Amino acid sequence: MLKNIYYTAIVLFTLIGSFSGCKKDLGNYDYQPINEVNFGGIEKSYTAEIGKPFVINPVLKFTKDENDTAQYTYEWYALTKDYSVLPKDQRKNLAKTKNLNVLITIASGQYQVFYNVTDKKTGITFTKSFDLQVSSEVYEGWMVLNDINGTARLDMVNQNLNVIKDVLKTTGSNLTLTGKPLDIYCYPWNPSTYGIYVTTDKLTTKIDPETFSWKNTLAIAYEFASNVSSDLHVDFIKAADEEVSYVNTQGNYYYYFYTWSRNYSVPINIVRGENKVFPASPFIATVTSDYPAGAILFDKEKQRFVRHVNGESSCALMPDQPLFDYNKTGMDLVFMDNTSYNGGEAFAILKNQLTSKYYLARINPGDGYKQNYYQEMLATDIDKAEQFAINPDFGYIFYNVGSKIYEYDMFNKTSKLMIDKGTDKISLIKFQQVFKPSTVGVSNKLVVCSYSLASPTDSGKMELYKVPNLNADLSLTGAYTGFGKIVSVSYRERPKN
């Protein structure tokens, strides 16, 4: 027991000595106040617009050397809050000046901006940060391609419902459109594949999705693995999803799949096991129920439906179904498109040249290409129809005959005159396919574009109509004027912050 007391005493004296030594050591340091920075004149958050000046004049107060501004260096930079952006692209340097006065050139989105003030004598950096929302008057909305006396002009109806004429000129783009306008297409939003494609009979090219600037490597020819002309133009582009798309040019289809690094290469309109490409219809129904996404094509020569699946370089025959023979329809395809109706169907309108009768077929790719409907269309003046559009909510088929637009109900087999533009010419009707849930409200509006034959360069109009059920009258929800002859429109979807 005495031994235990002895050792306990030694431990206590050792601890006391240690504490005493620590206390004495604290007195060996000589602390001096440093020069500190207090930030003023900077808000917690800001909004800015691409192409417009962004100015902040901070009020800095220093605890020492307040008037010696040469003693400090300054830095402003932004970090994107979009974490899908690669790390190397997340930082955007803005300025190295005390005050911030720059034109915003960074992409639309949300950022955290950092303002660093460094004391050159001590090397100590003081930081102030704030949130920044960068927007653009061309961030989202309808892209509108016009024919102005045989030449192309790209306009826009932006997210604020303002019409921007000649949007390339307005944004200072270095792209000048030449040739006859054919198509405008906005690829579904994806940081890796997103693009706005404009097509004339001289060129198909993307434009920069943020600034609308251009360089020659944005031409679609650079997306082809095969050797094509640098000024290649395609008839149209159609995406199946954010990674898969098809282009049609000179009767052939080409396939692109981003994930597998498969660029457009050779025509896919050839059936596996056959030795020549078939003349493909210009109508295609994309299929999103498979992975990779695919499409339904139509062979004009053999009057048959075929399917393109699984990222292959050829097509396959369709499976047998009871309503009609996919491989021997004996009819011409007048129209085909995919729609979200009934969970996702392809609508096809066929014409029997011998009887002059029209038939409507509905195909469900997600259920083994099941034929959900096949009946004759008893529609008013269907033989004179110029364009078709399928309503995704109720499956109504809209078509125009001259200046008149009819709605066909496949169940009642009745047509109803919905719009009569009188002496004006209808140049386009469509329902916009969308991929973002936040823009679903766009897809169920009937788009009607028209113009006056007396003044085709400035009388163009784009109208949006809500489609009610029970064959009720359409209701106008938006009207935009001042266009030329509108040949193509496409909605530019963007992520919602």
Protein backbone atom coordinates (compact mmCIF):
# COMPACT_ATOMS: atom_id res chain seq x y z
CA MET A 1 0.00 0.00 0.00
CA LEU A 2 2.87 2.42 0.80
CA LYS A 3 4.33 1.53 -2.59
CA ASN A 4 1.12 2.59 -4.31
CA ILE A 5 1.07 5.90 -2.37
CA TYR A 6 4.67 6.56 -3.43
CA TYR A 7 3.97 6.09 -7.12
CA THR A 8 0.79 8.19 -6.90
CA ALA A 9 2.76 11.07 -5.39
CA ILE A 10 5.32 10.92 -8.21
CA VAL A 11 2.57 11.14 -10.84
CA LEU A 12 0.90 14.13 -9.16
CA PHE A 13 4.16 16.11 -8.89
CA THR A 14 4.93 15.32 -12.56
CA LEU A 15 1.53 16.63 -13.69
CA ILE A 16 1.86 19.79 -11.60
CA GLY A 17 5.27 20.41 -13.12
CA SER A 18 3.89 19.95 -16.61
CA PHE A 19 1.07 22.45 -16.04
CA SER A 20 3.51 24.92 -14.56
CA GLY A 21 5.80 24.60 -17.57
CA CYS A 22 2.91 25.16 -19.99
CA LYS A 23 1.79 28.28 -18.18
CA LYS A 24 5.30 29.74 -18.25
CA ASP A 25 5.65 28.90 -22.01
CA LEU A 26 2.50 30.91 -22.90
CA GLY A 27 4.25 34.04 -21.81
CA ASN A 28 7.00 33.56 -24.38
CA TYR A 29 4.81 34.73 -27.37
CA ASP A 30 4.55 38.38 -28.48
CA TYR A 31 1.16 38.84 -30.30
CA GLN A 32 0.72 41.77 -32.69
CA PRO A 33 -2.60 42.87 -34.30
CA ILE A 34 -2.75 42.24 -38.07
CA ASN A 35 -4.26 44.40 -40.77
CA GLU A 36 -7.84 43.20 -41.30
CA VAL A 37 -10.44 43.97 -43.99
CA ASN A 38 -14.09 44.74 -43.40
CA PHE A 39 -16.32 44.40 -46.48
CA GLY A 40 -19.20 46.74 -47.22
CA GLY A 41 -21.32 47.56 -50.26
CA ILE A 42 -21.78 43.89 -51.26
CA GLU A 43 -25.22 42.31 -51.11
CA LYS A 44 -25.98 38.69 -50.27
CA SER A 45 -27.23 37.93 -53.76
CA TYR A 46 -27.39 39.45 -57.25
CA THR A 47 -28.91 38.77 -60.65
CA ALA A 48 -27.10 39.47 -63.90
CA GLU A 49 -27.80 39.03 -67.59
CA ILE A 50 -25.51 37.61 -70.25
CA GLY A 51 -24.03 40.35 -72.42
CA LYS A 52 -24.91 43.11 -69.96
CA PRO A 53 -22.58 45.01 -67.56
CA PHE A 54 -22.32 43.73 -64.00
CA VAL A 55 -20.96 46.32 -61.55
CA ILE A 56 -20.11 46.16 -57.84
CA ASN A 57 -18.21 48.93 -56.03
CA PRO A 58 -17.30 47.45 -52.67
CA VAL A 59 -16.56 49.64 -49.63
CA LEU A 60 -13.42 48.30 -47.96
CA LYS A 61 -12.30 49.35 -44.50
CA PHE A 62 -8.85 48.34 -43.28
CA THR A 63 -7.76 48.31 -39.66
CA LYS A 64 -4.31 49.48 -40.83
CA ASP A 65 -2.92 51.28 -43.88
CA GLU A 66 -6.38 52.26 -45.03
CA ASN A 67 -5.21 54.62 -47.76
CA ASP A 68 -2.44 52.45 -49.15
CA THR A 69 -4.43 50.77 -51.93
CA ALA A 70 -1.26 49.58 -53.66
CA GLN A 71 -0.68 47.24 -50.75
CA TYR A 72 -3.43 44.84 -51.88
CA THR A 73 -4.31 42.54 -54.76
CA TYR A 74 -7.90 41.76 -55.76
CA GLU A 75 -9.64 38.81 -57.36
CA TRP A 76 -13.25 38.01 -58.37
CA TYR A 77 -14.26 34.54 -59.52
CA ALA A 78 -17.44 32.46 -59.78
CA LEU A 79 -18.07 28.80 -59.03
CA THR A 80 -21.05 27.18 -60.72
CA LYS A 81 -23.63 25.38 -58.62
CA ASP A 82 -24.35 23.03 -61.49
CA TYR A 83 -22.49 19.94 -60.32
CA SER A 84 -22.94 18.18 -63.65
CA VAL A 85 -20.27 20.55 -64.99
CA LEU A 86 -16.79 19.01 -65.07
CA PRO A 87 -14.52 20.21 -62.21
CA LYS A 88 -12.11 21.88 -64.61
CA ASP A 89 -14.96 24.02 -65.95
CA GLN A 90 -16.60 24.94 -62.66
CA ARG A 91 -14.49 28.06 -61.96
CA LYS A 92 -14.90 31.22 -64.04
CA ASN A 93 -12.50 34.10 -63.44
CA LEU A 94 -14.15 37.52 -63.58
CA ALA A 95 -11.64 40.29 -62.71
CA LYS A 96 -8.49 41.26 -60.78
CA THR A 97 -9.54 44.79 -59.85
CA LYS A 98 -10.82 46.39 -56.66
CA ASN A 99 -14.19 47.20 -58.26
CA LEU A 100 -16.07 44.76 -60.45
CA ASN A 101 -17.18 46.10 -63.82
CA VAL A 102 -17.49 43.35 -66.44
CA LEU A 103 -19.73 42.15 -69.23
CA ILE A 104 -21.28 38.86 -68.22
CA THR A 105 -20.12 36.09 -70.56
CA ILE A 106 -20.51 33.06 -68.30
CA ALA A 107 -23.33 30.60 -68.91
CA SER A 108 -26.81 30.99 -67.48
CA GLY A 109 -27.25 29.41 -64.07
CA GLN A 110 -26.56 29.79 -60.37
CA TYR A 111 -23.12 30.67 -59.02
CA GLN A 112 -21.32 31.54 -55.83
CA VAL A 113 -18.97 34.47 -56.42
CA PHE A 114 -15.86 35.03 -54.30
CA TYR A 115 -14.10 38.37 -53.81
CA ASN A 116 -10.55 38.00 -52.46
CA VAL A 117 -8.49 40.86 -51.04
CA THR A 118 -4.87 39.90 -50.29
CA ASP A 119 -2.44 41.94 -48.19
CA LYS A 120 0.85 41.77 -50.08
CA LYS A 121 2.92 42.39 -46.93
CA THR A 122 1.50 39.54 -44.89
CA GLY A 123 0.16 37.33 -47.66
CA ILE A 124 -3.13 37.02 -45.78
CA THR A 125 -6.29 36.83 -47.92
CA PHE A 126 -9.71 38.03 -46.81
CA THR A 127 -12.79 36.74 -48.67
CA LYS A 128 -16.37 37.85 -49.18
CA SER A 129 -18.84 35.69 -51.11
CA PHE A 130 -22.36 36.11 -52.51
CA ASP A 131 -24.86 34.29 -54.71
CA LEU A 132 -25.28 35.19 -58.38
CA GLN A 133 -28.09 34.18 -60.72
CA VAL A 134 -27.08 34.62 -64.36
CA SER A 135 -29.93 34.74 -66.84
CA SER A 136 -30.37 35.59 -70.47
CA GLU A 137 -33.13 37.05 -72.55
CA VAL A 138 -32.62 34.02 -74.78
CA TYR A 139 -32.37 31.48 -71.96
CA GLU A 140 -35.57 29.61 -72.81
CA GLY A 141 -38.48 29.84 -75.23
CA TRP A 142 -39.61 29.26 -78.79
CA MET A 143 -37.03 29.38 -81.58
CA VAL A 144 -38.77 30.51 -84.79
CA LEU A 145 -37.24 30.02 -88.24
CA ASN A 146 -38.65 32.35 -90.92
CA ASP A 147 -38.56 32.54 -94.67
CA ILE A 148 -37.94 36.17 -95.65
CA ASN A 149 -38.06 36.39 -99.44
CA GLY A 150 -36.33 33.02 -99.76
CA THR A 151 -33.69 33.61 -97.07
CA ALA A 152 -33.54 32.46 -93.46
CA ARG A 153 -34.04 34.56 -90.33
CA LEU A 154 -34.04 33.14 -86.82
CA ASP A 155 -36.37 34.80 -84.31
CA MET A 156 -37.38 33.92 -80.77
CA VAL A 157 -40.26 34.19 -78.31
CA ASN A 158 -38.38 34.12 -75.01
CA GLN A 159 -39.39 33.00 -71.53
CA ASN A 160 -40.77 36.48 -70.85
CA LEU A 161 -43.01 36.11 -73.95
CA ASN A 162 -41.12 38.86 -75.81
CA VAL A 163 -40.53 38.53 -79.54
CA ILE A 164 -36.86 38.95 -80.47
CA LYS A 165 -36.44 39.47 -84.18
CA ASP A 166 -33.22 38.27 -85.81
CA VAL A 167 -31.94 36.81 -82.57
CA LEU A 168 -28.53 36.04 -84.07
CA LYS A 169 -27.99 39.72 -84.82
CA THR A 170 -29.44 40.79 -81.46
CA THR A 171 -27.02 38.57 -79.54
CA GLY A 172 -24.04 39.61 -81.66
CA SER A 173 -23.59 36.15 -83.18
CA ASN A 174 -21.01 35.82 -85.93
CA LEU A 175 -23.21 33.35 -87.81
CA THR A 176 -24.92 34.68 -90.92
CA LEU A 177 -27.61 32.38 -92.27
CA THR A 178 -27.58 31.81 -96.01
CA GLY A 179 -29.91 29.81 -98.16
CA LYS A 180 -33.52 28.72 -97.88
CA PRO A 181 -34.69 27.94 -94.32
CA LEU A 182 -35.58 24.30 -93.62
CA ASP A 183 -35.59 23.44 -89.92
CA ILE A 184 -34.84 24.62 -86.39
CA TYR A 185 -34.37 21.99 -83.71
CA CYS A 186 -33.52 22.26 -80.02
CA TYR A 187 -31.91 19.12 -78.66
CA PRO A 188 -33.17 17.94 -75.25
CA TRP A 189 -31.30 19.47 -72.33
CA ASN A 190 -28.15 17.60 -71.38
CA PRO A 191 -24.86 19.34 -70.47
CA SER A 192 -22.96 17.05 -72.83
CA THR A 193 -25.21 16.95 -75.90
CA TYR A 194 -27.40 20.05 -75.74
CA GLY A 195 -27.51 22.20 -78.84
CA ILE A 196 -29.64 24.42 -81.03
CA TYR A 197 -29.48 23.26 -84.66
CA VAL A 198 -30.47 25.53 -87.51
CA THR A 199 -30.78 24.18 -91.04
CA THR A 200 -30.90 25.87 -94.41
CA ASP A 201 -30.33 24.31 -97.81
CA LYS A 202 -26.71 25.49 -97.45
CA LEU A 203 -25.74 24.22 -94.00
CA THR A 204 -26.86 22.49 -90.80
CA THR A 205 -25.06 23.77 -87.74
CA LYS A 206 -25.31 24.21 -84.01
CA ILE A 207 -24.98 27.59 -82.38
CA ASP A 208 -23.50 28.15 -78.94
CA PRO A 209 -26.39 27.47 -76.55
CA GLU A 210 -25.53 30.35 -74.22
CA THR A 211 -24.19 33.17 -76.38
CA PHE A 212 -25.44 32.08 -79.85
CA SER A 213 -21.91 32.57 -81.15
CA TRP A 214 -20.58 30.25 -83.85
CA LYS A 215 -17.49 28.53 -85.17
CA ASN A 216 -17.13 26.21 -88.13
CA THR A 217 -16.58 23.12 -85.96
CA LEU A 218 -20.20 23.43 -84.80
CA ALA A 219 -21.36 22.33 -88.26
CA ILE A 220 -23.15 18.97 -88.14
CA ALA A 221 -20.55 17.51 -90.48
CA TYR A 222 -18.23 17.32 -87.45
CA GLU A 223 -20.68 14.91 -85.79
CA PHE A 224 -20.29 12.40 -88.62
CA ALA A 225 -17.75 9.59 -88.42
CA SER A 226 -18.00 9.09 -92.16
CA ASN A 227 -16.52 11.44 -94.72
CA VAL A 228 -19.11 14.11 -95.57
CA SER A 229 -18.95 17.63 -96.95
CA SER A 230 -18.18 20.33 -94.38
CA ASP A 231 -21.24 22.25 -95.54
CA LEU A 232 -23.58 19.27 -95.19
CA HIS A 233 -27.21 20.06 -94.56
CA VAL A 234 -29.77 17.53 -93.35
CA ASP A 235 -33.51 17.66 -93.88
CA PHE A 236 -34.24 17.40 -90.17
CA ILE A 237 -32.98 16.18 -86.78
CA LYS A 238 -35.09 14.29 -84.27
CA ALA A 239 -34.02 13.14 -80.81
CA ALA A 240 -35.36 10.03 -79.11
CA ASP A 241 -33.97 11.15 -75.75
CA GLU A 242 -31.08 13.19 -74.36
CA GLU A 243 -28.47 10.86 -75.85
CA VAL A 244 -29.97 9.38 -79.03
CA SER A 245 -30.95 11.18 -82.22
CA TYR A 246 -31.62 10.62 -85.91
CA VAL A 247 -31.00 12.79 -88.93
CA ASN A 248 -32.61 12.46 -92.33
CA THR A 249 -30.85 13.55 -95.47
CA GLN A 250 -31.48 12.60 -99.10
CA GLY A 251 -33.84 9.80 -98.09
CA ASN A 252 -31.41 8.16 -95.66
CA TYR A 253 -31.38 8.03 -91.86
CA TYR A 254 -28.28 8.24 -89.68
CA TYR A 255 -28.03 7.39 -86.00
CA TYR A 256 -26.18 9.05 -83.09
CA PHE A 257 -25.70 7.63 -79.59
CA TYR A 258 -23.64 9.75 -77.20
CA THR A 259 -23.08 7.17 -74.43
CA TRP A 260 -21.53 4.65 -76.81
CA SER A 261 -19.57 7.38 -78.66
CA ARG A 262 -21.38 6.38 -81.83
CA ASN A 263 -21.45 9.30 -84.25
CA TYR A 264 -23.56 9.51 -87.39
CA SER A 265 -21.87 7.15 -89.82
CA VAL A 266 -23.63 4.97 -92.41
CA PRO A 267 -27.31 4.83 -93.37
CA ILE A 268 -29.34 2.66 -91.01
CA ASN A 269 -32.30 2.30 -93.40
CA ILE A 270 -31.31 -1.21 -94.39
CA VAL A 271 -32.92 -4.36 -93.01
CA ARG A 272 -30.61 -6.86 -91.37
CA GLY A 273 -29.82 -9.64 -93.83
CA GLU A 274 -30.71 -7.58 -96.91
CA ASN A 275 -28.10 -6.07 -99.19
CA LYS A 276 -29.37 -2.60 -100.06
CA VAL A 277 -30.75 0.42 -98.30
CA PHE A 278 -34.44 1.09 -98.74
CA PRO A 279 -35.96 4.51 -99.63
CA ALA A 280 -37.12 5.76 -96.24
CA SER A 281 -40.18 7.86 -95.60
CA PRO A 282 -39.46 11.34 -94.16
CA PHE A 283 -41.71 10.42 -91.20
CA ILE A 284 -40.17 8.73 -88.17
CA ALA A 285 -41.51 7.79 -84.73
CA THR A 286 -38.86 7.66 -82.03
CA VAL A 287 -39.11 5.03 -79.30
CA THR A 288 -38.07 5.78 -75.71
CA SER A 289 -39.32 2.58 -74.08
CA ASP A 290 -36.14 0.70 -75.07
CA TYR A 291 -32.56 1.33 -74.03
CA PRO A 292 -30.87 2.53 -76.06
CA ALA A 293 -33.80 4.42 -77.53
CA GLY A 294 -34.84 3.50 -81.05
CA ALA A 295 -37.30 4.37 -83.79
CA ILE A 296 -39.94 3.11 -86.23
CA LEU A 297 -39.19 3.78 -89.90
CA PHE A 298 -41.17 3.11 -93.07
CA ASP A 299 -39.85 1.52 -96.25
CA LYS A 300 -41.55 3.38 -99.12
CA GLU A 301 -40.63 0.80 -101.74
CA LYS A 302 -41.96 -2.30 -99.97
CA GLN A 303 -44.61 -0.34 -98.06
CA ARG A 304 -43.60 -1.81 -94.69
CA PHE A 305 -42.80 -0.68 -91.17
CA VAL A 306 -39.39 -1.55 -89.71
CA ARG A 307 -37.76 -0.89 -86.35
CA HIS A 308 -34.35 0.37 -85.37
CA VAL A 309 -33.27 -0.91 -81.94
CA ASN A 310 -30.37 -1.46 -79.58
CA GLY A 311 -27.93 0.96 -81.14
CA GLU A 312 -27.49 -1.19 -84.23
CA SER A 313 -26.39 -0.05 -87.68
CA SER A 314 -29.39 -1.64 -89.41
CA CYS A 315 -33.12 -2.18 -88.94
CA ALA A 316 -35.18 -5.26 -88.17
CA LEU A 317 -38.59 -6.45 -89.28
CA MET A 318 -41.59 -5.80 -87.06
CA PRO A 319 -43.22 -8.66 -85.10
CA ASP A 320 -46.47 -10.16 -86.34
CA GLN A 321 -49.65 -8.46 -85.13
CA PRO A 322 -53.33 -9.23 -85.79
CA LEU A 323 -54.78 -5.92 -87.02
CA PHE A 324 -52.64 -5.49 -90.14
CA ASP A 325 -49.42 -6.83 -91.60
CA TYR A 326 -46.47 -4.57 -90.77
CA ASN A 327 -44.47 -6.09 -93.59
CA LYS A 328 -47.11 -5.85 -96.33
CA THR A 329 -49.35 -2.86 -95.71
CA GLY A 330 -50.06 -2.31 -99.40
CA MET A 331 -50.36 1.40 -98.61
CA ASP A 332 -48.33 4.60 -98.57
CA LEU A 333 -47.41 6.36 -95.37
CA VAL A 334 -48.90 9.86 -95.28
CA PHE A 335 -47.82 10.80 -91.74
CA MET A 336 -46.19 9.27 -88.65
CA ASP A 337 -45.07 10.62 -85.31
CA ASN A 338 -44.57 9.51 -81.72
CA THR A 339 -46.68 10.98 -78.93
CA SER A 340 -47.05 10.60 -75.18
CA TYR A 341 -50.73 9.68 -75.65
CA ASN A 342 -51.81 6.56 -73.74
CA GLY A 343 -48.38 6.16 -72.15
CA GLY A 344 -46.47 6.51 -75.39
CA GLU A 345 -47.69 5.53 -78.86
CA ALA A 346 -46.79 6.02 -82.49
CA PHE A 347 -49.58 7.34 -84.73
CA ALA A 348 -49.40 6.46 -88.42
CA ILE A 349 -51.75 7.56 -91.21
CA LEU A 350 -51.77 5.38 -94.31
CA LYS A 351 -53.39 5.80 -97.72
CA ASN A 352 -54.63 3.02 -99.95
CA GLN A 353 -53.89 4.26 -103.45
CA LEU A 354 -56.41 1.88 -105.05
CA THR A 355 -59.39 2.88 -102.92
CA SER A 356 -58.17 6.38 -101.87
CA LYS A 357 -59.14 5.47 -98.30
CA TYR A 358 -57.12 6.63 -95.28
CA TYR A 359 -56.38 4.50 -92.22
CA LEU A 360 -55.16 5.36 -88.75
CA ALA A 361 -52.80 2.96 -86.96
CA ARG A 362 -51.67 3.29 -83.34
CA ILE A 363 -48.59 1.35 -82.26
CA ASN A 364 -47.32 0.74 -78.73
CA PRO A 365 -43.54 0.12 -78.91
CA GLY A 366 -43.37 -0.52 -75.16
CA ASP A 367 -45.64 -3.55 -75.47
CA GLY A 368 -43.92 -5.51 -78.21
CA TYR A 369 -45.00 -3.06 -80.92
CA LYS A 370 -48.60 -4.00 -80.23
CA GLN A 371 -51.21 -2.58 -82.60
CA ASN A 372 -53.66 -0.71 -80.36
CA TYR A 373 -55.88 0.66 -83.13
CA TYR A 374 -56.37 0.30 -86.88
CA GLN A 375 -59.43 1.71 -88.62
CA GLU A 376 -60.46 3.79 -91.59
CA MET A 377 -60.49 7.56 -91.05
CA LEU A 378 -63.86 9.06 -91.97
CA ALA A 379 -62.49 12.59 -91.83
CA THR A 380 -63.68 15.63 -93.75
CA ASP A 381 -61.50 16.36 -96.81
CA ILE A 382 -58.78 14.09 -95.45
CA ASP A 383 -57.54 13.59 -99.01
CA LYS A 384 -56.72 17.31 -99.15
CA ALA A 385 -54.90 17.44 -95.82
CA GLU A 386 -51.57 19.27 -95.94
CA GLN A 387 -50.17 18.78 -92.42
CA PHE A 388 -51.02 16.66 -89.37
CA ALA A 389 -50.45 17.01 -85.62
CA ILE A 390 -51.38 14.64 -82.77
CA ASN A 391 -52.70 15.96 -79.46
CA PRO A 392 -50.89 14.11 -76.63
CA ASP A 393 -53.75 14.38 -74.11
CA PHE A 394 -56.76 13.05 -76.00
CA GLY A 395 -55.31 11.60 -79.19
CA TYR A 396 -57.17 14.04 -81.42
CA ILE A 397 -55.70 14.28 -84.93
CA PHE A 398 -55.46 17.84 -86.22
CA TYR A 399 -54.98 18.54 -89.91
CA ASN A 400 -55.27 21.54 -92.13
CA VAL A 401 -56.91 21.91 -95.51
CA GLY A 402 -55.83 25.26 -96.85
CA SER A 403 -56.72 27.87 -94.24
CA LYS A 404 -58.96 25.52 -92.25
CA ILE A 405 -57.90 23.31 -89.34
CA TYR A 406 -59.98 20.27 -88.39
CA GLU A 407 -59.96 18.07 -85.30
CA TYR A 408 -60.63 14.37 -85.90
CA ASP A 409 -61.95 12.17 -83.10
CA MET A 410 -60.91 8.57 -83.83
CA PHE A 411 -63.52 7.12 -81.51
CA ASN A 412 -66.51 9.06 -82.84
CA LYS A 413 -65.00 9.11 -86.35
CA THR A 414 -66.04 12.73 -86.75
CA SER A 415 -64.27 15.88 -87.86
CA LYS A 416 -64.89 19.32 -86.44
CA LEU A 417 -63.76 22.60 -87.97
CA MET A 418 -61.73 24.32 -85.27
CA ILE A 419 -59.97 27.24 -86.97
CA ASP A 420 -60.57 29.12 -90.20
CA LYS A 421 -57.83 31.62 -91.05
CA GLY A 422 -59.77 33.02 -94.00
CA THR A 423 -57.44 34.46 -96.62
CA ASP A 424 -54.31 33.80 -94.56
CA LYS A 425 -52.05 30.89 -95.39
CA ILE A 426 -51.22 28.27 -92.75
CA SER A 427 -47.52 27.43 -92.90
CA LEU A 428 -47.21 25.12 -89.89
CA ILE A 429 -49.20 23.17 -87.31
CA LYS A 430 -47.59 21.02 -84.62
CA PHE A 431 -47.48 19.84 -81.04
CA GLN A 432 -44.06 20.29 -79.49
CA GLN A 433 -42.39 17.20 -78.05
CA VAL A 434 -40.77 17.99 -74.69
CA PHE A 435 -38.44 16.04 -72.43
CA LYS A 436 -38.39 18.08 -69.18
CA PRO A 437 -41.33 17.64 -66.77
CA SER A 438 -41.21 21.38 -66.08
CA THR A 439 -42.18 22.14 -69.70
CA VAL A 440 -44.98 19.61 -70.14
CA GLY A 441 -47.42 22.53 -70.35
CA VAL A 442 -45.82 23.42 -73.68
CA SER A 443 -46.44 20.04 -75.30
CA ASN A 444 -50.25 20.07 -75.20
CA LYS A 445 -50.68 23.41 -76.96
CA LEU A 446 -51.54 23.34 -80.65
CA VAL A 447 -49.07 25.58 -82.48
CA VAL A 448 -50.57 27.32 -85.52
CA CYS A 449 -48.39 29.51 -87.75
CA SER A 450 -49.90 31.61 -90.52
CA TYR A 451 -49.20 34.65 -92.69
CA SER A 452 -50.81 36.93 -95.23
CA LEU A 453 -50.04 36.24 -98.87
CA ALA A 454 -50.11 40.01 -99.45
CA SER A 455 -47.20 40.66 -97.04
CA PRO A 456 -45.36 37.42 -96.29
CA THR A 457 -42.24 39.10 -94.86
CA ASP A 458 -43.84 40.73 -91.81
CA SER A 459 -47.35 39.31 -91.34
CA GLY A 460 -46.31 36.00 -89.83
CA LYS A 461 -48.12 34.96 -86.67
CA MET A 462 -47.59 32.14 -84.18
CA GLU A 463 -50.58 31.19 -82.04
CA LEU A 464 -50.91 28.67 -79.21
CA TYR A 465 -54.23 26.95 -78.48
CA LYS A 466 -55.35 24.89 -75.51
CA VAL A 467 -57.17 21.71 -76.55
CA PRO A 468 -60.15 20.78 -74.30
CA ASN A 469 -61.76 17.37 -74.14
CA LEU A 470 -65.16 16.39 -75.53
CA ASN A 471 -64.36 18.13 -78.84
CA ALA A 472 -64.90 21.53 -77.23
CA ASP A 473 -63.72 24.68 -78.98
CA LEU A 474 -60.05 25.60 -78.79
CA SER A 475 -59.00 28.48 -76.57
CA LEU A 476 -56.22 30.87 -77.57
CA THR A 477 -53.49 31.11 -74.92
CA GLY A 478 -50.84 33.10 -76.78
CA ALA A 479 -50.35 35.04 -80.01
CA TYR A 480 -47.08 36.48 -81.33
CA THR A 481 -46.70 38.59 -84.46
CA GLY A 482 -44.13 40.31 -86.65
CA PHE A 483 -42.62 37.20 -88.21
CA GLY A 484 -42.16 36.29 -91.84
CA LYS A 485 -43.38 33.00 -93.27
CA ILE A 486 -42.69 30.60 -90.38
CA VAL A 487 -41.30 27.28 -91.64
CA SER A 488 -40.21 25.68 -88.36
CA VAL A 489 -40.46 26.24 -84.60
CA SER A 490 -38.87 24.39 -81.69
CA TYR A 491 -39.09 24.98 -77.97
CA ARG A 492 -35.80 25.52 -76.18
CA GLU A 493 -36.11 23.64 -72.88
CA ARG A 494 -33.79 24.47 -70.01
CA PRO A 495 -33.34 23.11 -66.49
CA LYS A 496 -35.24 24.98 -63.81
CA ASN A 497 -32.95 26.32 -61.10
